[in-house]
N, C-alpha and C. Protein backbone atom coordinates (compact mmCIF):
# COMPACT_ATOMS: atom_id res chain seq x y z
N MET A 1 -4.97 -12.33 -5.63
CA MET A 1 -5.66 -13.44 -5.01
C MET A 1 -7.16 -13.37 -5.29
N LYS A 2 -7.70 -12.14 -5.25
CA LYS A 2 -9.12 -11.97 -5.51
C LYS A 2 -9.47 -12.46 -6.92
N GLY A 3 -8.59 -12.19 -7.91
CA GLY A 3 -8.78 -12.64 -9.29
C GLY A 3 -8.82 -14.16 -9.38
N PHE A 4 -8.01 -14.83 -8.57
CA PHE A 4 -7.96 -16.29 -8.55
C PHE A 4 -9.30 -16.86 -8.10
N PHE A 5 -9.86 -16.31 -7.07
CA PHE A 5 -11.15 -16.79 -6.55
C PHE A 5 -12.28 -16.53 -7.56
N ILE A 6 -12.24 -15.39 -8.22
CA ILE A 6 -13.25 -15.09 -9.23
C ILE A 6 -13.15 -16.10 -10.37
N ALA A 7 -11.92 -16.42 -10.77
CA ALA A 7 -11.72 -17.40 -11.83
C ALA A 7 -12.26 -18.76 -11.42
N ILE A 8 -12.01 -19.18 -10.19
CA ILE A 8 -12.50 -20.46 -9.68
C ILE A 8 -14.03 -20.48 -9.71
N VAL A 9 -14.65 -19.40 -9.26
CA VAL A 9 -16.12 -19.31 -9.22
C VAL A 9 -16.69 -19.39 -10.64
N LEU A 10 -16.05 -18.74 -11.59
CA LEU A 10 -16.55 -18.74 -12.96
C LEU A 10 -16.30 -20.06 -13.68
N ILE A 11 -15.17 -20.71 -13.45
CA ILE A 11 -14.79 -21.92 -14.17
C ILE A 11 -15.42 -23.17 -13.55
N SER A 12 -15.64 -23.21 -12.25
CA SER A 12 -16.17 -24.39 -11.58
C SER A 12 -17.47 -24.91 -12.20
N PRO A 13 -18.45 -24.06 -12.46
CA PRO A 13 -19.68 -24.59 -13.07
C PRO A 13 -19.42 -25.21 -14.45
N LEU A 14 -18.50 -24.66 -15.20
CA LEU A 14 -18.18 -25.22 -16.51
C LEU A 14 -17.58 -26.61 -16.36
N MET A 15 -16.74 -26.81 -15.37
CA MET A 15 -16.12 -28.11 -15.15
C MET A 15 -17.19 -29.13 -14.76
N VAL A 16 -18.13 -28.75 -13.92
CA VAL A 16 -19.21 -29.65 -13.52
C VAL A 16 -20.08 -29.97 -14.72
N PHE A 17 -20.40 -28.96 -15.52
CA PHE A 17 -21.24 -29.16 -16.70
C PHE A 17 -20.59 -30.16 -17.65
N LYS A 18 -19.30 -30.03 -17.89
CA LYS A 18 -18.61 -30.93 -18.81
C LYS A 18 -18.68 -32.36 -18.32
N THR A 19 -18.55 -32.59 -17.03
CA THR A 19 -18.58 -33.96 -16.52
C THR A 19 -19.99 -34.53 -16.54
N ALA A 20 -21.03 -33.67 -16.62
CA ALA A 20 -22.41 -34.15 -16.64
C ALA A 20 -22.82 -34.63 -18.03
N ILE A 21 -22.07 -34.28 -19.05
CA ILE A 21 -22.40 -34.66 -20.42
C ILE A 21 -21.72 -35.99 -20.74
N ALA A 22 -22.48 -36.91 -21.33
CA ALA A 22 -21.92 -38.21 -21.71
C ALA A 22 -20.85 -38.04 -22.78
N GLU A 23 -19.85 -38.87 -22.71
CA GLU A 23 -18.82 -38.86 -23.75
C GLU A 23 -19.43 -39.41 -25.03
N PRO A 24 -19.20 -38.77 -26.16
CA PRO A 24 -19.74 -39.28 -27.43
C PRO A 24 -19.19 -40.68 -27.72
N GLU A 25 -20.02 -41.49 -28.35
CA GLU A 25 -19.62 -42.83 -28.78
C GLU A 25 -19.97 -42.96 -30.26
N TYR A 26 -19.06 -42.46 -31.10
CA TYR A 26 -19.31 -42.46 -32.54
C TYR A 26 -19.08 -43.86 -33.09
N ILE A 27 -20.00 -44.29 -33.94
CA ILE A 27 -19.85 -45.58 -34.59
C ILE A 27 -20.00 -45.40 -36.09
N ARG A 28 -19.48 -46.37 -36.81
CA ARG A 28 -19.57 -46.40 -38.27
C ARG A 28 -20.25 -47.69 -38.67
N LEU A 29 -21.34 -47.57 -39.41
CA LEU A 29 -22.01 -48.74 -39.98
C LEU A 29 -21.78 -48.70 -41.48
N GLY A 30 -21.06 -49.67 -42.00
CA GLY A 30 -20.79 -49.74 -43.42
C GLY A 30 -21.54 -50.90 -44.05
N MET A 31 -22.30 -50.61 -45.09
CA MET A 31 -23.04 -51.62 -45.82
C MET A 31 -22.66 -51.55 -47.28
N GLU A 32 -22.70 -52.67 -47.97
CA GLU A 32 -22.37 -52.68 -49.40
C GLU A 32 -23.12 -53.80 -50.10
N ILE A 33 -23.26 -53.63 -51.41
CA ILE A 33 -23.92 -54.65 -52.22
C ILE A 33 -23.30 -54.63 -53.62
N ASP A 34 -23.17 -55.80 -54.22
CA ASP A 34 -22.69 -55.93 -55.59
C ASP A 34 -23.85 -55.69 -56.54
N VAL A 35 -23.60 -54.95 -57.61
CA VAL A 35 -24.64 -54.64 -58.59
C VAL A 35 -24.11 -54.93 -59.98
N GLU A 36 -24.89 -55.69 -60.74
CA GLU A 36 -24.51 -56.03 -62.12
C GLU A 36 -24.94 -54.91 -63.06
N LYS A 37 -24.27 -53.80 -62.90
CA LYS A 37 -24.52 -52.61 -63.72
C LYS A 37 -23.29 -51.73 -63.57
N PRO A 38 -22.82 -51.11 -64.65
CA PRO A 38 -21.69 -50.18 -64.51
C PRO A 38 -22.01 -49.07 -63.52
N ALA A 39 -21.00 -48.60 -62.82
CA ALA A 39 -21.20 -47.62 -61.74
C ALA A 39 -21.89 -46.36 -62.23
N ASP A 40 -21.55 -45.85 -63.40
CA ASP A 40 -22.18 -44.62 -63.88
C ASP A 40 -23.67 -44.84 -64.18
N GLU A 41 -24.02 -46.01 -64.70
CA GLU A 41 -25.44 -46.31 -64.96
C GLU A 41 -26.19 -46.52 -63.64
N LEU A 42 -25.55 -47.18 -62.69
CA LEU A 42 -26.14 -47.36 -61.37
C LEU A 42 -26.40 -46.00 -60.72
N TRP A 43 -25.41 -45.11 -60.79
CA TRP A 43 -25.55 -43.80 -60.16
C TRP A 43 -26.64 -42.98 -60.84
N ALA A 44 -26.81 -43.16 -62.15
CA ALA A 44 -27.88 -42.44 -62.87
C ALA A 44 -29.25 -42.86 -62.35
N ILE A 45 -29.37 -44.07 -61.85
CA ILE A 45 -30.64 -44.58 -61.32
C ILE A 45 -30.85 -44.18 -59.87
N ALA A 46 -29.79 -44.21 -59.07
CA ALA A 46 -29.94 -44.07 -57.62
C ALA A 46 -29.28 -42.84 -57.01
N GLY A 47 -28.46 -42.11 -57.76
CA GLY A 47 -27.62 -41.09 -57.17
C GLY A 47 -28.15 -39.68 -57.11
N GLY A 48 -29.32 -39.44 -57.65
CA GLY A 48 -29.90 -38.11 -57.50
C GLY A 48 -30.30 -37.90 -56.05
N TYR A 49 -30.19 -36.68 -55.56
CA TYR A 49 -30.39 -36.44 -54.14
C TYR A 49 -31.81 -36.76 -53.67
N CYS A 50 -32.79 -36.71 -54.56
CA CYS A 50 -34.14 -37.13 -54.18
C CYS A 50 -34.55 -38.43 -54.86
N ASP A 51 -33.61 -39.16 -55.45
CA ASP A 51 -33.92 -40.49 -55.98
C ASP A 51 -34.34 -41.43 -54.84
N ILE A 52 -34.07 -41.04 -53.62
CA ILE A 52 -34.47 -41.81 -52.45
C ILE A 52 -35.98 -42.06 -52.47
N ARG A 53 -36.73 -41.18 -53.12
CA ARG A 53 -38.19 -41.40 -53.15
C ARG A 53 -38.51 -42.66 -53.94
N GLU A 54 -37.64 -43.04 -54.89
CA GLU A 54 -37.88 -44.25 -55.68
C GLU A 54 -37.44 -45.51 -54.94
N TRP A 55 -36.20 -45.50 -54.44
CA TRP A 55 -35.67 -46.73 -53.85
C TRP A 55 -36.00 -46.93 -52.38
N ALA A 56 -36.48 -45.88 -51.71
CA ALA A 56 -36.93 -46.02 -50.32
C ALA A 56 -38.44 -45.86 -50.21
N ASN A 57 -39.06 -45.45 -51.32
CA ASN A 57 -40.50 -45.24 -51.37
C ASN A 57 -40.97 -44.28 -50.27
N ILE A 58 -40.25 -43.15 -50.18
CA ILE A 58 -40.63 -42.12 -49.21
C ILE A 58 -40.70 -40.77 -49.90
N GLU A 59 -41.40 -39.85 -49.27
CA GLU A 59 -41.51 -38.49 -49.75
C GLU A 59 -40.16 -37.78 -49.66
N CYS A 60 -39.78 -37.05 -50.70
CA CYS A 60 -38.55 -36.26 -50.69
C CYS A 60 -38.79 -34.97 -51.46
N GLU A 61 -38.34 -33.87 -50.88
CA GLU A 61 -38.45 -32.58 -51.55
C GLU A 61 -37.16 -31.80 -51.34
N ILE A 62 -36.62 -31.26 -52.43
CA ILE A 62 -35.47 -30.35 -52.33
C ILE A 62 -36.04 -29.00 -51.90
N THR A 63 -35.60 -28.51 -50.75
CA THR A 63 -36.14 -27.24 -50.24
C THR A 63 -35.21 -26.07 -50.52
N SER A 64 -33.94 -26.37 -50.80
CA SER A 64 -33.03 -25.32 -51.26
C SER A 64 -31.84 -25.98 -51.93
N GLY A 65 -31.24 -25.24 -52.84
CA GLY A 65 -30.07 -25.74 -53.55
C GLY A 65 -30.42 -26.32 -54.90
N ASP A 66 -29.35 -26.72 -55.61
CA ASP A 66 -29.50 -27.19 -56.99
C ASP A 66 -28.96 -28.61 -57.19
N GLY A 67 -28.87 -29.38 -56.11
CA GLY A 67 -28.37 -30.75 -56.22
C GLY A 67 -26.88 -30.86 -55.97
N ASP A 68 -26.25 -29.77 -55.61
CA ASP A 68 -24.82 -29.77 -55.31
C ASP A 68 -24.63 -29.62 -53.80
N ILE A 69 -23.39 -29.52 -53.37
CA ILE A 69 -23.10 -29.34 -51.94
C ILE A 69 -23.89 -28.14 -51.42
N GLY A 70 -24.52 -28.33 -50.26
CA GLY A 70 -25.35 -27.30 -49.67
C GLY A 70 -26.84 -27.49 -49.93
N THR A 71 -27.18 -28.40 -50.84
CA THR A 71 -28.59 -28.68 -51.13
C THR A 71 -29.25 -29.31 -49.90
N VAL A 72 -30.46 -28.89 -49.64
CA VAL A 72 -31.23 -29.39 -48.49
C VAL A 72 -32.41 -30.18 -49.01
N ARG A 73 -32.56 -31.40 -48.48
CA ARG A 73 -33.76 -32.19 -48.80
C ARG A 73 -34.52 -32.45 -47.51
N GLU A 74 -35.84 -32.53 -47.67
CA GLU A 74 -36.70 -32.89 -46.55
C GLU A 74 -37.38 -34.20 -46.91
N LEU A 75 -37.35 -35.13 -45.96
CA LEU A 75 -37.96 -36.43 -46.14
C LEU A 75 -39.20 -36.53 -45.28
N LEU A 76 -40.14 -37.34 -45.73
CA LEU A 76 -41.36 -37.63 -44.95
C LEU A 76 -42.10 -36.35 -44.55
N GLY A 77 -42.27 -35.47 -45.52
CA GLY A 77 -43.03 -34.24 -45.26
C GLY A 77 -42.37 -33.28 -44.30
N GLY A 78 -41.05 -33.31 -44.24
CA GLY A 78 -40.31 -32.39 -43.37
C GLY A 78 -39.92 -32.98 -42.04
N ALA A 79 -40.24 -34.23 -41.79
CA ALA A 79 -39.87 -34.87 -40.51
C ALA A 79 -38.36 -35.03 -40.38
N ILE A 80 -37.68 -35.18 -41.52
CA ILE A 80 -36.22 -35.35 -41.53
C ILE A 80 -35.64 -34.34 -42.50
N THR A 81 -34.62 -33.60 -42.07
CA THR A 81 -33.90 -32.66 -42.92
C THR A 81 -32.48 -33.17 -43.08
N GLU A 82 -31.99 -33.15 -44.34
CA GLU A 82 -30.62 -33.58 -44.62
C GLU A 82 -29.96 -32.58 -45.56
N VAL A 83 -28.74 -32.18 -45.19
CA VAL A 83 -27.98 -31.20 -45.95
C VAL A 83 -26.81 -31.91 -46.61
N MET A 84 -26.70 -31.78 -47.93
CA MET A 84 -25.58 -32.40 -48.65
C MET A 84 -24.28 -31.68 -48.29
N VAL A 85 -23.29 -32.44 -47.82
CA VAL A 85 -22.01 -31.86 -47.40
C VAL A 85 -20.82 -32.37 -48.23
N ALA A 86 -21.07 -33.33 -49.12
CA ALA A 86 -19.99 -33.85 -49.97
C ALA A 86 -20.61 -34.39 -51.25
N LYS A 87 -19.86 -34.31 -52.36
CA LYS A 87 -20.37 -34.83 -53.62
C LYS A 87 -19.23 -35.06 -54.59
N THR A 88 -19.28 -36.21 -55.28
CA THR A 88 -18.41 -36.49 -56.41
C THR A 88 -19.30 -36.98 -57.55
N ASP A 89 -18.72 -37.39 -58.64
CA ASP A 89 -19.51 -37.90 -59.75
C ASP A 89 -20.32 -39.14 -59.39
N LEU A 90 -19.83 -39.94 -58.42
CA LEU A 90 -20.49 -41.20 -58.07
C LEU A 90 -20.77 -41.32 -56.57
N SER A 91 -20.92 -40.20 -55.88
CA SER A 91 -21.18 -40.28 -54.44
C SER A 91 -21.76 -38.97 -53.91
N TYR A 92 -22.37 -39.07 -52.75
CA TYR A 92 -22.73 -37.88 -51.99
C TYR A 92 -22.77 -38.22 -50.51
N GLY A 93 -22.59 -37.19 -49.70
CA GLY A 93 -22.68 -37.33 -48.25
C GLY A 93 -23.59 -36.25 -47.70
N TYR A 94 -24.22 -36.56 -46.59
CA TYR A 94 -25.15 -35.60 -45.99
C TYR A 94 -25.08 -35.66 -44.47
N VAL A 95 -25.62 -34.64 -43.85
CA VAL A 95 -25.71 -34.56 -42.39
C VAL A 95 -27.13 -34.17 -42.03
N GLN A 96 -27.59 -34.68 -40.90
CA GLN A 96 -28.86 -34.23 -40.35
C GLN A 96 -28.54 -33.17 -39.31
N PRO A 97 -29.02 -31.95 -39.47
CA PRO A 97 -28.68 -30.87 -38.54
C PRO A 97 -29.29 -31.07 -37.16
N ALA A 98 -28.70 -30.39 -36.20
CA ALA A 98 -29.21 -30.43 -34.82
C ALA A 98 -30.60 -29.82 -34.76
N GLU A 99 -31.43 -30.36 -33.87
CA GLU A 99 -32.76 -29.81 -33.63
C GLU A 99 -32.81 -29.33 -32.19
N GLU A 100 -33.35 -28.16 -32.02
CA GLU A 100 -33.42 -27.56 -30.68
C GLU A 100 -34.13 -28.49 -29.70
N GLY A 101 -33.52 -28.69 -28.54
CA GLY A 101 -34.11 -29.50 -27.49
C GLY A 101 -33.95 -31.00 -27.67
N GLN A 102 -33.28 -31.43 -28.74
CA GLN A 102 -33.09 -32.86 -29.02
C GLN A 102 -31.62 -33.24 -28.88
N PHE A 103 -31.37 -34.50 -28.50
CA PHE A 103 -30.01 -35.02 -28.49
C PHE A 103 -29.45 -34.95 -29.91
N TYR A 104 -28.24 -34.44 -30.06
CA TYR A 104 -27.64 -34.34 -31.39
C TYR A 104 -26.65 -35.48 -31.58
N ASP A 105 -26.99 -36.39 -32.51
CA ASP A 105 -26.16 -37.57 -32.72
C ASP A 105 -25.14 -37.41 -33.86
N LEU A 106 -25.03 -36.22 -34.42
CA LEU A 106 -24.07 -35.92 -35.49
C LEU A 106 -24.23 -36.91 -36.66
N TYR A 107 -25.45 -37.30 -36.96
CA TYR A 107 -25.76 -38.29 -37.99
C TYR A 107 -25.28 -37.83 -39.36
N HIS A 108 -24.45 -38.66 -39.99
CA HIS A 108 -23.97 -38.45 -41.36
C HIS A 108 -24.22 -39.72 -42.16
N GLY A 109 -24.60 -39.55 -43.41
CA GLY A 109 -24.74 -40.67 -44.32
C GLY A 109 -23.90 -40.41 -45.56
N PHE A 110 -23.40 -41.50 -46.15
CA PHE A 110 -22.59 -41.37 -47.36
C PHE A 110 -22.91 -42.54 -48.27
N MET A 111 -23.27 -42.25 -49.52
CA MET A 111 -23.57 -43.29 -50.51
C MET A 111 -22.62 -43.13 -51.68
N GLU A 112 -22.08 -44.27 -52.14
CA GLU A 112 -21.09 -44.22 -53.21
C GLU A 112 -21.20 -45.46 -54.09
N ALA A 113 -21.11 -45.26 -55.40
CA ALA A 113 -21.01 -46.34 -56.37
C ALA A 113 -19.55 -46.42 -56.81
N LYS A 114 -18.98 -47.63 -56.74
CA LYS A 114 -17.60 -47.83 -57.17
C LYS A 114 -17.56 -48.87 -58.29
N PRO A 115 -16.88 -48.55 -59.39
CA PRO A 115 -16.76 -49.54 -60.46
C PRO A 115 -15.95 -50.75 -60.00
N VAL A 116 -16.39 -51.93 -60.38
CA VAL A 116 -15.62 -53.16 -60.16
C VAL A 116 -14.95 -53.54 -61.48
N ASN A 117 -15.73 -53.51 -62.54
CA ASN A 117 -15.22 -53.69 -63.90
C ASN A 117 -16.17 -52.94 -64.83
N SER A 118 -16.08 -53.19 -66.13
CA SER A 118 -16.88 -52.42 -67.08
C SER A 118 -18.38 -52.72 -67.01
N SER A 119 -18.76 -53.81 -66.36
CA SER A 119 -20.18 -54.16 -66.33
C SER A 119 -20.76 -54.33 -64.93
N SER A 120 -19.96 -54.10 -63.90
CA SER A 120 -20.50 -54.26 -62.54
C SER A 120 -19.87 -53.24 -61.60
N SER A 121 -20.52 -53.10 -60.45
CA SER A 121 -20.06 -52.12 -59.46
C SER A 121 -20.46 -52.58 -58.07
N LYS A 122 -20.00 -51.83 -57.08
CA LYS A 122 -20.41 -52.02 -55.70
C LYS A 122 -21.06 -50.72 -55.26
N LEU A 123 -22.12 -50.85 -54.49
CA LEU A 123 -22.77 -49.69 -53.92
C LEU A 123 -22.54 -49.73 -52.42
N PHE A 124 -22.02 -48.64 -51.88
CA PHE A 124 -21.70 -48.53 -50.46
C PHE A 124 -22.62 -47.50 -49.81
N TYR A 125 -23.06 -47.81 -48.62
CA TYR A 125 -23.80 -46.84 -47.80
C TYR A 125 -23.18 -46.88 -46.41
N THR A 126 -22.70 -45.74 -45.96
CA THR A 126 -22.04 -45.66 -44.66
C THR A 126 -22.77 -44.65 -43.79
N LEU A 127 -23.03 -45.04 -42.55
CA LEU A 127 -23.62 -44.15 -41.56
C LEU A 127 -22.61 -43.94 -40.44
N ILE A 128 -22.54 -42.72 -39.97
CA ILE A 128 -21.71 -42.38 -38.80
C ILE A 128 -22.59 -41.57 -37.87
N TYR A 129 -22.65 -42.00 -36.61
CA TYR A 129 -23.45 -41.25 -35.65
C TYR A 129 -23.02 -41.59 -34.23
N ASP A 130 -23.50 -40.80 -33.31
CA ASP A 130 -23.20 -40.95 -31.88
C ASP A 130 -24.37 -41.69 -31.23
N LEU A 131 -24.07 -42.80 -30.57
CA LEU A 131 -25.13 -43.53 -29.89
C LEU A 131 -24.97 -43.52 -28.38
N SER A 132 -24.31 -42.47 -27.87
CA SER A 132 -24.10 -42.36 -26.42
C SER A 132 -25.38 -42.06 -25.65
N ASN A 133 -26.46 -41.73 -26.34
CA ASN A 133 -27.72 -41.45 -25.66
C ASN A 133 -28.49 -42.72 -25.28
N PHE A 134 -28.04 -43.88 -25.74
CA PHE A 134 -28.73 -45.12 -25.39
C PHE A 134 -28.29 -45.58 -24.01
N PRO A 135 -29.22 -46.17 -23.24
CA PRO A 135 -28.93 -46.47 -21.84
C PRO A 135 -27.93 -47.60 -21.61
N ASP A 136 -27.82 -48.54 -22.54
CA ASP A 136 -26.91 -49.67 -22.32
C ASP A 136 -26.50 -50.27 -23.66
N GLN A 137 -25.59 -51.23 -23.61
CA GLN A 137 -25.07 -51.83 -24.84
C GLN A 137 -26.15 -52.58 -25.62
N ALA A 138 -27.08 -53.20 -24.92
CA ALA A 138 -28.16 -53.92 -25.62
C ALA A 138 -28.98 -52.95 -26.48
N ALA A 139 -29.29 -51.78 -25.95
CA ALA A 139 -30.05 -50.79 -26.71
C ALA A 139 -29.23 -50.26 -27.89
N LYS A 140 -27.93 -50.07 -27.69
CA LYS A 140 -27.04 -49.63 -28.78
C LYS A 140 -27.00 -50.69 -29.88
N ASN A 141 -26.85 -51.94 -29.49
CA ASN A 141 -26.81 -53.03 -30.46
C ASN A 141 -28.11 -53.13 -31.24
N ALA A 142 -29.23 -52.96 -30.55
CA ALA A 142 -30.53 -53.02 -31.21
C ALA A 142 -30.67 -51.89 -32.23
N ASP A 143 -30.22 -50.69 -31.88
CA ASP A 143 -30.30 -49.56 -32.81
C ASP A 143 -29.43 -49.81 -34.04
N MET A 144 -28.22 -50.30 -33.83
CA MET A 144 -27.33 -50.58 -34.96
C MET A 144 -27.92 -51.67 -35.85
N ALA A 145 -28.49 -52.70 -35.26
CA ALA A 145 -29.09 -53.79 -36.04
C ALA A 145 -30.29 -53.29 -36.85
N ARG A 146 -31.10 -52.44 -36.23
CA ARG A 146 -32.26 -51.88 -36.92
C ARG A 146 -31.83 -51.06 -38.13
N ARG A 147 -30.84 -50.21 -37.93
CA ARG A 147 -30.37 -49.37 -39.04
C ARG A 147 -29.71 -50.21 -40.13
N ARG A 148 -28.92 -51.20 -39.73
CA ARG A 148 -28.27 -52.06 -40.72
C ARG A 148 -29.32 -52.78 -41.56
N THR A 149 -30.34 -53.33 -40.93
CA THR A 149 -31.41 -54.01 -41.65
C THR A 149 -32.12 -53.06 -42.60
N GLN A 150 -32.42 -51.85 -42.11
CA GLN A 150 -33.10 -50.85 -42.93
C GLN A 150 -32.28 -50.50 -44.17
N PHE A 151 -31.00 -50.23 -43.99
CA PHE A 151 -30.19 -49.79 -45.12
C PHE A 151 -29.77 -50.95 -46.03
N ASP A 152 -29.63 -52.16 -45.49
CA ASP A 152 -29.40 -53.32 -46.35
C ASP A 152 -30.60 -53.52 -47.28
N THR A 153 -31.80 -53.31 -46.77
CA THR A 153 -33.02 -53.41 -47.58
C THR A 153 -33.03 -52.35 -48.66
N LEU A 154 -32.63 -51.12 -48.31
CA LEU A 154 -32.59 -50.04 -49.30
C LEU A 154 -31.57 -50.34 -50.40
N LEU A 155 -30.41 -50.87 -50.02
CA LEU A 155 -29.41 -51.24 -51.02
C LEU A 155 -29.95 -52.33 -51.95
N LEU A 156 -30.65 -53.28 -51.39
CA LEU A 156 -31.25 -54.34 -52.20
C LEU A 156 -32.30 -53.76 -53.15
N ASN A 157 -33.07 -52.78 -52.69
CA ASN A 157 -34.03 -52.11 -53.57
C ASN A 157 -33.33 -51.45 -54.75
N ILE A 158 -32.22 -50.78 -54.48
CA ILE A 158 -31.47 -50.11 -55.54
C ILE A 158 -30.92 -51.15 -56.52
N LYS A 159 -30.35 -52.22 -56.00
CA LYS A 159 -29.81 -53.30 -56.84
C LYS A 159 -30.90 -53.84 -57.77
N THR A 160 -32.07 -54.10 -57.20
CA THR A 160 -33.18 -54.65 -57.98
C THR A 160 -33.59 -53.67 -59.08
N MET A 161 -33.70 -52.41 -58.76
CA MET A 161 -34.04 -51.39 -59.76
C MET A 161 -33.00 -51.32 -60.86
N ALA A 162 -31.73 -51.34 -60.47
CA ALA A 162 -30.64 -51.19 -61.43
C ALA A 162 -30.51 -52.39 -62.35
N GLU A 163 -30.79 -53.56 -61.83
CA GLU A 163 -30.60 -54.78 -62.62
C GLU A 163 -31.84 -55.21 -63.40
N GLU A 164 -32.94 -54.46 -63.23
CA GLU A 164 -34.15 -54.79 -64.00
C GLU A 164 -33.86 -54.70 -65.48
N PRO A 165 -34.32 -55.70 -66.24
CA PRO A 165 -34.13 -55.61 -67.69
C PRO A 165 -34.92 -54.43 -68.26
N THR A 166 -34.33 -53.75 -69.22
CA THR A 166 -35.03 -52.65 -69.88
C THR A 166 -35.58 -53.14 -71.21
N ASN A 167 -36.74 -52.66 -71.56
CA ASN A 167 -37.38 -53.09 -72.82
C ASN A 167 -37.13 -52.11 -73.91
């Protein structure tokens, strides 16, 4: 009986702690754009892990790795860290690691070029993250709209770069 009471005393705080944490609300934002360029040529323009400096016009530095899975890039002078967790010939995926003392939204991004035919392709950018830290649905909707607008603009930048005539 004494063991039962000790177990209750030890487990009770854990049960309270679990109920105090918000349930995650993972969402997927998928964006895509048609590009009049073969997928391999498109990927040669936009698919390098720090090519983001060209199509997003931001600072990017590889801080470790060789461009394969496990490579770490820092954006905006180290304000954002992203670790590559997936890679194929025409795609890569990354995660932003947890930061001490900050809400962890499990943010993942995935960019992929898919051939449509021999002269055109589609470029996909998918974000997955937890937005349970927002106070209400209006704030969640605003965050999703902001990110969608931001990444639609980036996809358009890539399309414009890829479709520019070469001399």
